[in-house]
Structures are given as structure tokens and as C-alpha cells.
């Protein structure tokens, strides 16, 4: 039976809590990704910064400071102010069937894969589409 470890992405792009929203925005654009795990120096997953959370915080900054100040405020705002700290994670030994059922029932764009408290991968619905495509 296949597990999350067989499908998860392990070449991760991550952020630190102290990284700026400007850094996060640049990484999302450059790497064409919408979900960035936030880790500490020991590799523990502290949360996720999704494109949706970034945009929500960017709209807040615009409403408070105007569009002219957006880039400056993004450079001054740490990721910890916008990230989701209440993130579900999954274990690499979870079956792909169980993980797929979770994605079907919930509207998550990705899930961090954590083993012994440390981030080891990330899994998204796109990974399942790629798997299905390879099987056709």
C-alpha cells in the first residue's frame, strides 16, 4: 500500500517566522507556489503561509497605509503576522487513500508532512493529479 512518503514533495521551499511578507511574495512568484511552510531553526513546522493568507494581510496593509506604502510595509511585516499557526499536518506513513479522503472532504491546498515534529515534506491535491496522470 502506498503512503504519503511515496508521493510527498521533499525539495521544499520554506520560510522562517522572521522573514518578511515581501520575501514570501517573491518566493511564491519565483517558484510558482501558493503554500509555504514556516519552520524554526530546528526544522519544526510552525505553520503555513498560504497565498490566501498573504493576500488577506496585503489587503489589510493597503487599507491601513494605502497602495503606495504596500511594498514598504510588506518588507517590514514578518511572516509570523500573517501565517496560519493552526495548521493540520500528516505523517509520512499515512496511506495515500486516507490522505486523498482528507483532501476530498476538506478544502486544503496542501498539508505539511511532519515526522518526529520536523517538517519532512508537503503534500497537495496536485500531487494526486500527477499520480493519476502517470497512471493513465
Protein backbone atom coordinates (compact mmCIF):
# COMPACT_ATOMS: atom_id res chain seq x y z
CA UNK A 1 0.00 0.00 0.00
CA UNK A 2 1.38 3.42 -0.96
CA UNK A 3 1.96 6.03 1.71
CA UNK A 4 2.30 9.79 1.85
CA UNK A 5 6.10 9.30 1.86
CA UNK A 6 5.82 7.81 -1.66
CA UNK A 7 4.14 10.92 -3.10
CA UNK A 8 5.12 13.92 -0.98
CA UNK A 9 7.42 16.65 -2.23
CA UNK A 10 10.67 16.76 -0.27
CA UNK A 11 12.52 19.52 -2.14
CA UNK A 12 10.89 22.19 -0.01
CA UNK A 13 10.83 25.95 -0.14
CA UNK A 14 10.29 27.22 3.39
CA UNK A 15 10.16 30.42 5.39
CA UNK A 16 11.21 31.49 8.86
CA UNK A 17 8.80 33.43 11.08
CA UNK A 18 11.04 36.48 10.84
CA UNK A 19 11.12 36.53 7.02
CA UNK A 20 9.20 39.41 5.52
CA UNK A 21 5.97 39.23 3.57
CA UNK A 22 7.95 40.74 0.67
CA UNK A 23 10.27 37.70 0.76
CA UNK A 24 7.28 35.35 0.86
CA UNK A 25 5.63 37.13 -2.07
CA UNK A 26 8.85 36.92 -4.12
CA UNK A 27 9.25 33.18 -3.38
CA UNK A 28 5.65 32.43 -4.30
CA UNK A 29 6.07 34.27 -7.58
CA UNK A 30 9.53 32.93 -8.43
CA UNK A 31 8.77 29.29 -7.58
CA UNK A 32 5.13 29.42 -8.77
CA UNK A 33 3.81 28.02 -5.47
CA UNK A 34 0.91 29.01 -3.24
CA UNK A 35 1.79 27.41 0.08
CA UNK A 36 4.94 27.93 2.11
CA UNK A 37 5.68 26.04 5.31
CA UNK A 38 7.12 28.15 8.11
CA UNK A 39 9.83 26.40 10.14
CA UNK A 40 12.14 27.21 13.03
CA UNK A 41 15.91 26.73 13.07
CA UNK A 42 15.49 23.08 14.10
CA UNK A 43 13.12 22.25 11.22
CA UNK A 44 9.94 22.14 13.30
CA UNK A 45 6.85 23.21 11.37
CA UNK A 46 5.36 26.30 12.99
CA UNK A 47 2.61 26.90 10.44
CA UNK A 48 1.88 27.74 6.83
CA UNK A 49 1.71 30.91 4.83
CA UNK A 50 -0.75 30.39 2.02
CA UNK A 51 -1.39 32.71 -0.88
CA UNK A 52 -4.83 33.40 0.58
CA UNK A 53 -3.38 34.45 3.95
CA UNK A 54 -0.74 36.57 2.25
CA UNK A 55 -3.41 38.35 0.17
CA UNK A 56 -5.64 38.87 3.19
CA UNK A 57 -2.79 40.54 5.05
CA UNK A 58 -1.76 42.57 1.98
CA UNK A 59 -5.34 43.91 1.69
CA UNK A 60 -5.20 44.82 5.37
CA UNK A 61 -1.93 46.71 4.81
CA UNK A 62 -3.43 48.57 1.84
CA UNK A 63 -6.49 49.52 3.89
CA UNK A 64 -4.30 50.87 6.68
CA UNK A 65 -1.47 52.52 4.73
CA UNK A 66 -2.55 52.82 1.08
CA UNK A 67 -1.18 51.22 -2.06
CA UNK A 68 1.90 53.48 -2.21
CA UNK A 69 3.12 52.07 1.11
CA UNK A 70 2.33 48.39 0.39
CA UNK A 71 5.82 47.24 -0.65
CA UNK A 72 7.48 49.08 2.23
CA UNK A 73 5.02 47.61 4.74
CA UNK A 74 5.47 44.10 3.26
CA UNK A 75 9.21 44.45 3.80
CA UNK A 76 8.59 45.48 7.42
CA UNK A 77 5.98 42.82 8.22
CA UNK A 78 7.23 39.44 9.44
CA UNK A 79 5.58 36.27 8.17
CA UNK A 80 4.51 35.44 11.75
CA UNK A 81 1.90 38.23 11.48
CA UNK A 82 0.11 36.58 8.54
CA UNK A 83 0.81 32.84 8.74
CA UNK A 84 -1.68 30.23 9.86
CA UNK A 85 -0.36 28.74 13.10
CA UNK A 86 -3.26 26.31 13.47
CA UNK A 87 -2.20 24.01 10.65
CA UNK A 88 -3.01 20.34 10.41
CA UNK A 89 -0.14 18.07 9.47
CA UNK A 90 0.10 14.47 8.37
CA UNK A 91 2.55 11.64 8.98
CA UNK A 92 4.61 10.19 6.12
CA UNK A 93 3.33 6.70 6.97
CA UNK A 94 -0.33 7.67 6.36
CA UNK A 95 -1.85 5.78 3.45
CA UNK A 96 -2.45 7.72 0.26
CA UNK A 97 -6.08 6.63 0.39
CA UNK A 98 -6.55 8.28 3.79
CA UNK A 99 -4.74 11.43 2.65
CA UNK A 100 -6.85 11.58 -0.52
CA UNK A 101 -10.05 11.24 1.51
CA UNK A 102 -8.92 14.16 3.67
CA UNK A 103 -8.37 16.37 0.61
CA UNK A 104 -11.75 15.35 -0.81
CA UNK A 105 -13.56 16.24 2.44
CA UNK A 106 -11.61 19.43 3.22
CA UNK A 107 -10.52 22.44 1.20
CA UNK A 108 -6.81 22.40 1.98
CA UNK A 109 -4.34 23.47 -0.69
CA UNK A 110 -1.56 21.46 0.93
CA UNK A 111 -0.58 19.68 4.10
CA UNK A 112 2.82 19.69 5.77
CA UNK A 113 4.22 16.22 6.33
CA UNK A 114 5.80 16.02 9.78
CA UNK A 115 7.82 13.24 11.35
CA UNK A 116 9.07 13.48 14.96
CA UNK A 117 7.98 17.11 14.98
CA UNK A 118 10.10 18.07 11.97
CA UNK A 119 8.93 19.02 8.51
CA UNK A 120 9.93 16.31 6.01
CA UNK A 121 7.66 17.09 3.08
CA UNK A 122 4.49 18.64 1.76
CA UNK A 123 1.52 17.03 0.01
CA UNK A 124 -1.06 18.74 -2.17
CA UNK A 125 -4.01 17.73 -4.33
CA UNK A 126 -1.83 18.47 -7.37
CA UNK A 127 0.42 15.57 -6.32
CA UNK A 128 -2.60 13.28 -6.63
CA UNK A 129 -3.41 14.68 -10.08
CA UNK A 130 0.18 13.98 -11.16
CA UNK A 131 -0.12 10.44 -9.82
CA UNK A 132 -3.37 9.88 -11.70
CA UNK A 133 -1.83 11.32 -14.87
CA UNK A 134 1.15 8.96 -14.64
CA UNK A 135 -1.23 6.02 -14.32
CA UNK A 136 -3.18 6.88 -17.49
